[in-house]
Amino acid sequence: MIEVDERTAAAFHEAGHAALACAFGMDLRLIEINSTGGGLTRFASPRGWEDSVHVIIQHLAGPFSEALLKMLPVEDMSVEAICGEYGATDYARAARRIRTLIMGRDAYSFEKELEAARRLTLKAVRRHWDAIEDIAWALHEAGRLNRNDIE
């Protein structure tokens, strides 16, 4: 693990959300970070089951991007471990969507879908890492970006 200042960590976290939202064709509205390491990404949620899978990945992309920046061993970590440190709210949103998708099936189904989401998120974040870095450094400098700044 490497040490990263809070502003840089927040920039990569929010850039992960933003880059994947753009990659999945979501309507990105705004991303911003503040001086204390907090941030937000606003996008218009798509509708439909297929889009819900993309939204799950997009929710997890923030904490996964931050964890990869810090060179954590994400291959060996659970979604809860990654998000517990860097995105409890992101985890809660993704978990809620997974529970909606599995429609009351057993806990094993939830764990199976969560593991699938972990694998898909890692693949997507790695695939779009160059875009995540570009957005993160622009956000780090500006503090706030809108869709025109990212396109």
N, C-alpha and C. Protein backbone atom coordinates (compact mmCIF):
# COMPACT_ATOMS: atom_id res chain seq x y z
N MET A 1 0.85 -1.19 0.00
CA MET A 1 0.00 0.00 0.00
C MET A 1 0.89 1.24 0.00
N ILE A 2 0.47 2.23 -0.77
CA ILE A 2 1.18 3.50 -0.77
C ILE A 2 0.29 4.57 -0.16
N GLU A 3 0.91 5.55 0.45
CA GLU A 3 0.18 6.66 1.05
C GLU A 3 -0.17 7.68 -0.04
N VAL A 4 -1.40 8.16 -0.01
CA VAL A 4 -1.89 9.15 -0.98
C VAL A 4 -2.65 10.21 -0.20
N ASP A 5 -2.45 11.48 -0.54
CA ASP A 5 -3.18 12.53 0.17
C ASP A 5 -4.68 12.42 -0.12
N GLU A 6 -5.48 12.97 0.77
CA GLU A 6 -6.94 12.82 0.69
C GLU A 6 -7.53 13.40 -0.59
N ARG A 7 -7.02 14.52 -1.04
CA ARG A 7 -7.55 15.14 -2.26
C ARG A 7 -7.29 14.26 -3.49
N THR A 8 -6.11 13.69 -3.59
CA THR A 8 -5.79 12.80 -4.71
C THR A 8 -6.65 11.54 -4.64
N ALA A 9 -6.78 10.97 -3.45
CA ALA A 9 -7.61 9.78 -3.28
C ALA A 9 -9.05 10.07 -3.70
N ALA A 10 -9.58 11.21 -3.27
CA ALA A 10 -10.96 11.58 -3.64
C ALA A 10 -11.09 11.79 -5.14
N ALA A 11 -10.09 12.40 -5.75
CA ALA A 11 -10.13 12.64 -7.20
C ALA A 11 -10.19 11.32 -7.95
N PHE A 12 -9.39 10.34 -7.55
CA PHE A 12 -9.41 9.04 -8.23
C PHE A 12 -10.71 8.29 -7.94
N HIS A 13 -11.21 8.40 -6.73
CA HIS A 13 -12.48 7.77 -6.37
C HIS A 13 -13.60 8.29 -7.28
N GLU A 14 -13.74 9.61 -7.32
CA GLU A 14 -14.82 10.20 -8.14
C GLU A 14 -14.57 9.99 -9.63
N ALA A 15 -13.32 10.01 -10.05
CA ALA A 15 -12.99 9.76 -11.46
C ALA A 15 -13.37 8.34 -11.87
N GLY A 16 -13.24 7.39 -10.95
CA GLY A 16 -13.67 6.02 -11.23
C GLY A 16 -15.16 5.96 -11.53
N HIS A 17 -15.94 6.62 -10.68
CA HIS A 17 -17.39 6.69 -10.94
C HIS A 17 -17.66 7.36 -12.29
N ALA A 18 -17.03 8.49 -12.53
CA ALA A 18 -17.30 9.28 -13.73
C ALA A 18 -16.88 8.56 -15.01
N ALA A 19 -15.69 7.98 -15.02
CA ALA A 19 -15.20 7.31 -16.22
C ALA A 19 -16.08 6.14 -16.61
N LEU A 20 -16.52 5.37 -15.61
CA LEU A 20 -17.38 4.23 -15.91
C LEU A 20 -18.78 4.69 -16.31
N ALA A 21 -19.27 5.76 -15.70
CA ALA A 21 -20.57 6.30 -16.12
C ALA A 21 -20.52 6.69 -17.59
N CYS A 22 -19.45 7.36 -18.00
CA CYS A 22 -19.29 7.75 -19.41
C CYS A 22 -19.14 6.52 -20.30
N ALA A 23 -18.33 5.56 -19.88
CA ALA A 23 -18.11 4.36 -20.67
C ALA A 23 -19.40 3.57 -20.90
N PHE A 24 -20.29 3.61 -19.92
CA PHE A 24 -21.56 2.88 -20.03
C PHE A 24 -22.67 3.71 -20.65
N GLY A 25 -22.35 4.93 -21.10
CA GLY A 25 -23.35 5.75 -21.78
C GLY A 25 -24.32 6.46 -20.85
N MET A 26 -23.96 6.58 -19.58
CA MET A 26 -24.81 7.30 -18.64
C MET A 26 -24.62 8.80 -18.85
N ASP A 27 -25.60 9.55 -18.45
CA ASP A 27 -25.57 11.00 -18.63
C ASP A 27 -24.89 11.64 -17.42
N LEU A 28 -23.57 11.80 -17.53
CA LEU A 28 -22.80 12.40 -16.45
C LEU A 28 -23.10 13.88 -16.37
N ARG A 29 -23.38 14.36 -15.17
CA ARG A 29 -23.73 15.77 -14.99
C ARG A 29 -22.60 16.57 -14.35
N LEU A 30 -21.99 16.02 -13.28
CA LEU A 30 -21.05 16.80 -12.48
C LEU A 30 -20.21 15.86 -11.62
N ILE A 31 -18.94 16.20 -11.46
CA ILE A 31 -18.12 15.55 -10.43
C ILE A 31 -17.36 16.65 -9.70
N GLU A 32 -17.20 16.45 -8.40
CA GLU A 32 -16.44 17.44 -7.63
C GLU A 32 -15.82 16.80 -6.40
N ILE A 33 -14.77 17.45 -5.92
CA ILE A 33 -14.13 17.05 -4.67
C ILE A 33 -13.95 18.30 -3.83
N ASN A 34 -13.82 18.10 -2.51
CA ASN A 34 -13.57 19.25 -1.65
C ASN A 34 -12.20 19.11 -0.99
N SER A 35 -11.83 20.08 -0.23
CA SER A 35 -10.49 20.11 0.35
C SER A 35 -10.27 19.06 1.42
N THR A 36 -11.33 18.50 1.97
CA THR A 36 -11.19 17.50 3.03
C THR A 36 -11.24 16.07 2.53
N GLY A 37 -11.27 15.88 1.21
CA GLY A 37 -11.26 14.53 0.65
C GLY A 37 -12.62 13.96 0.33
N GLY A 38 -13.67 14.74 0.49
CA GLY A 38 -15.00 14.27 0.10
C GLY A 38 -15.27 14.59 -1.35
N GLY A 39 -16.29 14.00 -1.89
CA GLY A 39 -16.63 14.29 -3.27
C GLY A 39 -17.97 13.70 -3.66
N LEU A 40 -18.37 14.00 -4.89
CA LEU A 40 -19.60 13.43 -5.41
C LEU A 40 -19.54 13.37 -6.93
N THR A 41 -20.31 12.45 -7.46
CA THR A 41 -20.49 12.30 -8.90
C THR A 41 -21.99 12.24 -9.15
N ARG A 42 -22.46 13.10 -10.02
CA ARG A 42 -23.90 13.11 -10.36
C ARG A 42 -24.07 12.67 -11.80
N PHE A 43 -24.99 11.74 -11.98
CA PHE A 43 -25.31 11.26 -13.32
C PHE A 43 -26.77 10.86 -13.33
N ALA A 44 -27.36 10.84 -14.52
CA ALA A 44 -28.74 10.41 -14.65
C ALA A 44 -28.76 8.89 -14.70
N SER A 45 -29.51 8.28 -13.79
CA SER A 45 -29.60 6.83 -13.74
C SER A 45 -30.36 6.29 -14.94
N PRO A 46 -29.79 5.30 -15.60
CA PRO A 46 -30.51 4.66 -16.70
C PRO A 46 -31.60 3.73 -16.17
N ARG A 47 -32.46 3.29 -17.04
CA ARG A 47 -33.54 2.39 -16.64
C ARG A 47 -33.34 1.01 -17.25
N GLY A 48 -33.92 0.02 -16.63
CA GLY A 48 -33.89 -1.32 -17.18
C GLY A 48 -32.88 -2.23 -16.49
N TRP A 49 -33.10 -3.51 -16.61
CA TRP A 49 -32.27 -4.50 -15.93
C TRP A 49 -30.82 -4.45 -16.38
N GLU A 50 -30.55 -4.44 -17.70
CA GLU A 50 -29.17 -4.43 -18.16
C GLU A 50 -28.43 -3.21 -17.62
N ASP A 51 -29.08 -2.09 -17.63
CA ASP A 51 -28.45 -0.88 -17.10
C ASP A 51 -28.18 -0.99 -15.61
N SER A 52 -29.00 -1.75 -14.88
CA SER A 52 -28.78 -1.91 -13.45
C SER A 52 -27.44 -2.58 -13.17
N VAL A 53 -27.06 -3.55 -13.99
CA VAL A 53 -25.76 -4.18 -13.83
C VAL A 53 -24.65 -3.14 -14.02
N HIS A 54 -24.81 -2.30 -15.01
CA HIS A 54 -23.82 -1.24 -15.24
C HIS A 54 -23.78 -0.26 -14.07
N VAL A 55 -24.92 0.04 -13.50
CA VAL A 55 -24.97 0.96 -12.37
C VAL A 55 -24.26 0.35 -11.16
N ILE A 56 -24.42 -0.95 -10.95
CA ILE A 56 -23.71 -1.63 -9.85
C ILE A 56 -22.21 -1.44 -10.02
N ILE A 57 -21.72 -1.71 -11.22
CA ILE A 57 -20.29 -1.57 -11.50
C ILE A 57 -19.86 -0.11 -11.31
N GLN A 58 -20.69 0.81 -11.78
CA GLN A 58 -20.36 2.23 -11.66
C GLN A 58 -20.28 2.64 -10.18
N HIS A 59 -21.18 2.13 -9.35
CA HIS A 59 -21.12 2.44 -7.91
C HIS A 59 -19.82 1.92 -7.30
N LEU A 60 -19.40 0.73 -7.68
CA LEU A 60 -18.20 0.12 -7.10
C LEU A 60 -16.91 0.69 -7.68
N ALA A 61 -16.99 1.31 -8.85
CA ALA A 61 -15.78 1.80 -9.53
C ALA A 61 -15.03 2.86 -8.72
N GLY A 62 -15.73 3.66 -7.94
CA GLY A 62 -15.06 4.69 -7.14
C GLY A 62 -14.12 4.09 -6.11
N PRO A 63 -14.64 3.28 -5.19
CA PRO A 63 -13.74 2.70 -4.20
C PRO A 63 -12.68 1.77 -4.80
N PHE A 64 -13.02 1.07 -5.88
CA PHE A 64 -12.04 0.19 -6.52
C PHE A 64 -10.91 1.02 -7.14
N SER A 65 -11.24 2.16 -7.75
CA SER A 65 -10.21 3.03 -8.33
C SER A 65 -9.29 3.55 -7.25
N GLU A 66 -9.87 3.96 -6.15
CA GLU A 66 -9.07 4.46 -5.03
C GLU A 66 -8.16 3.36 -4.48
N ALA A 67 -8.68 2.15 -4.36
CA ALA A 67 -7.88 1.03 -3.85
C ALA A 67 -6.74 0.69 -4.80
N LEU A 68 -7.01 0.72 -6.11
CA LEU A 68 -5.95 0.45 -7.09
C LEU A 68 -4.88 1.54 -7.07
N LEU A 69 -5.29 2.79 -6.92
CA LEU A 69 -4.33 3.88 -6.80
C LEU A 69 -3.38 3.63 -5.64
N LYS A 70 -3.93 3.14 -4.54
CA LYS A 70 -3.13 2.90 -3.33
C LYS A 70 -2.39 1.57 -3.38
N MET A 71 -2.52 0.88 -4.51
CA MET A 71 -1.83 -0.39 -4.75
C MET A 71 -2.19 -1.46 -3.72
N LEU A 72 -3.46 -1.50 -3.34
CA LEU A 72 -3.93 -2.55 -2.44
C LEU A 72 -4.09 -3.85 -3.23
N PRO A 73 -3.99 -4.98 -2.57
CA PRO A 73 -4.11 -6.28 -3.26
C PRO A 73 -5.58 -6.63 -3.53
N VAL A 74 -6.20 -5.87 -4.41
CA VAL A 74 -7.65 -6.00 -4.64
C VAL A 74 -8.06 -7.38 -5.13
N GLU A 75 -7.17 -8.11 -5.78
CA GLU A 75 -7.51 -9.46 -6.25
C GLU A 75 -7.84 -10.37 -5.07
N ASP A 76 -7.25 -10.09 -3.92
CA ASP A 76 -7.43 -10.94 -2.74
C ASP A 76 -8.41 -10.34 -1.72
N MET A 77 -9.05 -9.24 -2.08
CA MET A 77 -9.93 -8.55 -1.14
C MET A 77 -11.39 -8.72 -1.55
N SER A 78 -12.26 -8.78 -0.58
CA SER A 78 -13.70 -8.83 -0.86
C SER A 78 -14.20 -7.42 -1.20
N VAL A 79 -15.37 -7.38 -1.79
CA VAL A 79 -15.99 -6.08 -2.08
C VAL A 79 -16.18 -5.30 -0.78
N GLU A 80 -16.61 -5.98 0.27
CA GLU A 80 -16.82 -5.32 1.56
C GLU A 80 -15.53 -4.71 2.09
N ALA A 81 -14.42 -5.42 1.93
CA ALA A 81 -13.13 -4.91 2.43
C ALA A 81 -12.70 -3.68 1.64
N ILE A 82 -12.86 -3.71 0.33
CA ILE A 82 -12.47 -2.57 -0.50
C ILE A 82 -13.37 -1.37 -0.19
N CYS A 83 -14.67 -1.60 -0.20
CA CYS A 83 -15.62 -0.50 0.00
C CYS A 83 -15.71 -0.06 1.45
N GLY A 84 -15.43 -0.95 2.37
CA GLY A 84 -15.50 -0.60 3.78
C GLY A 84 -14.57 0.54 4.13
N GLU A 85 -13.44 0.54 3.48
CA GLU A 85 -12.46 1.59 3.75
C GLU A 85 -12.72 2.84 2.93
N TYR A 86 -13.17 2.66 1.70
CA TYR A 86 -13.21 3.78 0.76
C TYR A 86 -14.58 4.11 0.19
N GLY A 87 -15.62 3.43 0.60
CA GLY A 87 -16.91 3.73 0.00
C GLY A 87 -18.07 2.93 0.56
N ALA A 88 -18.36 3.09 1.83
CA ALA A 88 -19.47 2.35 2.44
C ALA A 88 -20.80 2.70 1.77
N THR A 89 -20.98 3.95 1.41
CA THR A 89 -22.22 4.36 0.72
C THR A 89 -22.30 3.73 -0.65
N ASP A 90 -21.16 3.66 -1.36
CA ASP A 90 -21.13 3.03 -2.67
C ASP A 90 -21.49 1.55 -2.56
N TYR A 91 -20.95 0.89 -1.55
CA TYR A 91 -21.27 -0.52 -1.33
C TYR A 91 -22.77 -0.70 -1.06
N ALA A 92 -23.32 0.14 -0.21
CA ALA A 92 -24.75 0.03 0.13
C ALA A 92 -25.62 0.19 -1.11
N ARG A 93 -25.27 1.13 -1.98
CA ARG A 93 -26.04 1.34 -3.21
C ARG A 93 -25.92 0.14 -4.15
N ALA A 94 -24.71 -0.38 -4.30
CA ALA A 94 -24.52 -1.54 -5.17
C ALA A 94 -25.25 -2.76 -4.60
N ALA A 95 -25.15 -2.97 -3.30
CA ALA A 95 -25.81 -4.11 -2.66
C ALA A 95 -27.33 -4.03 -2.81
N ARG A 96 -27.87 -2.83 -2.69
CA ARG A 96 -29.32 -2.65 -2.86
C ARG A 96 -29.74 -3.04 -4.28
N ARG A 97 -28.96 -2.63 -5.27
CA ARG A 97 -29.28 -2.99 -6.66
C ARG A 97 -29.16 -4.49 -6.89
N ILE A 98 -28.15 -5.10 -6.30
CA ILE A 98 -28.01 -6.55 -6.45
C ILE A 98 -29.20 -7.26 -5.84
N ARG A 99 -29.61 -6.84 -4.65
CA ARG A 99 -30.77 -7.48 -4.01
C ARG A 99 -32.03 -7.32 -4.86
N THR A 100 -32.17 -6.18 -5.53
CA THR A 100 -33.30 -5.98 -6.43
C THR A 100 -33.23 -6.94 -7.61
N LEU A 101 -32.04 -7.12 -8.14
CA LEU A 101 -31.87 -8.01 -9.29
C LEU A 101 -32.13 -9.47 -8.95
N ILE A 102 -31.74 -9.91 -7.76
CA ILE A 102 -31.93 -11.33 -7.43
C ILE A 102 -33.31 -11.61 -6.84
N MET A 103 -34.07 -10.56 -6.58
CA MET A 103 -35.47 -10.68 -6.17
C MET A 103 -35.72 -11.70 -5.05
N GLY A 104 -35.04 -11.53 -3.91
CA GLY A 104 -35.34 -12.32 -2.74
C GLY A 104 -34.75 -13.72 -2.72
N ARG A 105 -33.88 -14.06 -3.66
CA ARG A 105 -33.23 -15.36 -3.57
C ARG A 105 -32.35 -15.42 -2.33
N ASP A 106 -31.76 -16.55 -2.07
CA ASP A 106 -31.00 -16.76 -0.83
C ASP A 106 -29.71 -15.95 -0.76
N ALA A 107 -29.10 -16.00 0.41
CA ALA A 107 -27.86 -15.26 0.64
C ALA A 107 -26.74 -15.73 -0.28
N TYR A 108 -26.75 -17.02 -0.62
CA TYR A 108 -25.74 -17.53 -1.54
C TYR A 108 -25.82 -16.81 -2.88
N SER A 109 -27.03 -16.56 -3.37
CA SER A 109 -27.20 -15.85 -4.64
C SER A 109 -26.63 -14.44 -4.55
N PHE A 110 -26.86 -13.79 -3.41
CA PHE A 110 -26.32 -12.44 -3.21
C PHE A 110 -24.80 -12.47 -3.26
N GLU A 111 -24.18 -13.38 -2.53
CA GLU A 111 -22.72 -13.48 -2.51
C GLU A 111 -22.17 -13.80 -3.89
N LYS A 112 -22.84 -14.66 -4.61
CA LYS A 112 -22.41 -15.03 -5.96
C LYS A 112 -22.46 -13.81 -6.89
N GLU A 113 -23.53 -13.05 -6.83
CA GLU A 113 -23.67 -11.85 -7.67
C GLU A 113 -22.70 -10.75 -7.24
N LEU A 114 -22.45 -10.64 -5.95
CA LEU A 114 -21.49 -9.65 -5.46
C LEU A 114 -20.09 -9.98 -5.96
N GLU A 115 -19.73 -11.26 -5.93
CA GLU A 115 -18.42 -11.67 -6.44
C GLU A 115 -18.32 -11.41 -7.95
N ALA A 116 -19.39 -11.67 -8.68
CA ALA A 116 -19.39 -11.37 -10.12
C ALA A 116 -19.22 -9.87 -10.35
N ALA A 117 -19.87 -9.06 -9.53
CA ALA A 117 -19.74 -7.60 -9.64
C ALA A 117 -18.30 -7.17 -9.33
N ARG A 118 -17.66 -7.82 -8.36
CA ARG A 118 -16.26 -7.50 -8.03
C ARG A 118 -15.36 -7.76 -9.24
N ARG A 119 -15.52 -8.93 -9.85
CA ARG A 119 -14.69 -9.27 -11.02
C ARG A 119 -14.94 -8.31 -12.18
N LEU A 120 -16.22 -8.03 -12.46
CA LEU A 120 -16.55 -7.12 -13.57
C LEU A 120 -16.06 -5.70 -13.32
N THR A 121 -16.15 -5.26 -12.07
CA THR A 121 -15.70 -3.91 -11.73
C THR A 121 -14.19 -3.79 -11.90
N LEU A 122 -13.45 -4.76 -11.39
CA LEU A 122 -11.99 -4.72 -11.56
C LEU A 122 -11.61 -4.70 -13.03
N LYS A 123 -12.27 -5.52 -13.82
CA LYS A 123 -11.98 -5.56 -15.26
C LYS A 123 -12.28 -4.21 -15.90
N ALA A 124 -13.43 -3.62 -15.58
CA ALA A 124 -13.82 -2.34 -16.17
C ALA A 124 -12.90 -1.21 -15.73
N VAL A 125 -12.55 -1.17 -14.46
CA VAL A 125 -11.67 -0.10 -13.96
C VAL A 125 -10.30 -0.22 -14.61
N ARG A 126 -9.78 -1.42 -14.71
CA ARG A 126 -8.46 -1.59 -15.36
C ARG A 126 -8.53 -1.21 -16.84
N ARG A 127 -9.61 -1.58 -17.49
CA ARG A 127 -9.77 -1.28 -18.92
C ARG A 127 -9.81 0.23 -19.17
N HIS A 128 -10.41 0.97 -18.24
CA HIS A 128 -10.60 2.41 -18.41
C HIS A 128 -9.65 3.23 -17.53
N TRP A 129 -8.55 2.61 -17.09
CA TRP A 129 -7.64 3.29 -16.16
C TRP A 129 -7.07 4.58 -16.73
N ASP A 130 -6.74 4.60 -18.01
CA ASP A 130 -6.19 5.84 -18.59
C ASP A 130 -7.19 6.99 -18.48
N ALA A 131 -8.45 6.71 -18.77
CA ALA A 131 -9.49 7.75 -18.65
C ALA A 131 -9.67 8.16 -17.19
N ILE A 132 -9.63 7.19 -16.28
CA ILE A 132 -9.75 7.50 -14.85
C ILE A 132 -8.62 8.43 -14.42
N GLU A 133 -7.41 8.13 -14.84
CA GLU A 133 -6.27 8.99 -14.49
C GLU A 133 -6.44 10.40 -15.06
N ASP A 134 -6.83 10.49 -16.33
CA ASP A 134 -7.00 11.81 -16.95
C ASP A 134 -8.05 12.64 -16.21
N ILE A 135 -9.19 12.02 -15.91
CA ILE A 135 -10.26 12.72 -15.20
C ILE A 135 -9.80 13.09 -13.78
N ALA A 136 -9.14 12.15 -13.12
CA ALA A 136 -8.71 12.39 -11.73
C ALA A 136 -7.76 13.59 -11.63
N TRP A 137 -6.79 13.68 -12.52
CA TRP A 137 -5.84 14.78 -12.42
C TRP A 137 -6.49 16.11 -12.80
N ALA A 138 -7.42 16.09 -13.77
CA ALA A 138 -8.15 17.32 -14.10
C ALA A 138 -9.02 17.75 -12.93
N LEU A 139 -9.67 16.78 -12.29
CA LEU A 139 -10.52 17.07 -11.13
C LEU A 139 -9.67 17.55 -9.95
N HIS A 140 -8.53 16.93 -9.75
CA HIS A 140 -7.62 17.32 -8.67
C HIS A 140 -7.25 18.80 -8.81
N GLU A 141 -7.00 19.22 -10.04
CA GLU A 141 -6.61 20.61 -10.29
C GLU A 141 -7.79 21.57 -10.17
N ALA A 142 -8.93 21.21 -10.77
CA ALA A 142 -10.06 22.13 -10.85
C ALA A 142 -11.01 22.04 -9.65
N GLY A 143 -11.13 20.87 -9.04
CA GLY A 143 -12.05 20.69 -7.93
C GLY A 143 -13.46 20.35 -8.37
N ARG A 144 -13.82 20.75 -9.58
CA ARG A 144 -15.18 20.51 -10.08
C ARG A 144 -15.13 20.44 -11.61
N LEU A 145 -15.80 19.44 -12.17
CA LEU A 145 -15.90 19.27 -13.61
C LEU A 145 -17.34 18.97 -13.99
N ASN A 146 -17.75 19.47 -15.15
CA ASN A 146 -19.06 19.10 -15.65
C ASN A 146 -18.88 18.24 -16.90
N ARG A 147 -19.97 17.80 -17.51
CA ARG A 147 -19.88 16.88 -18.64
C ARG A 147 -19.06 17.45 -19.79
N ASN A 148 -19.11 18.76 -20.01
CA ASN A 148 -18.35 19.36 -21.10
C ASN A 148 -16.84 19.30 -20.85
N ASP A 149 -16.45 19.33 -19.59
CA ASP A 149 -15.03 19.25 -19.25
C ASP A 149 -14.46 17.85 -19.48
N ILE A 150 -15.33 16.86 -19.46
CA ILE A 150 -14.88 15.47 -19.53
C ILE A 150 -14.92 14.93 -20.96
N GLU A 151 -15.89 15.36 -21.75
CA GLU A 151 -16.02 14.87 -23.11
C GLU A 151 -14.89 15.34 -23.91
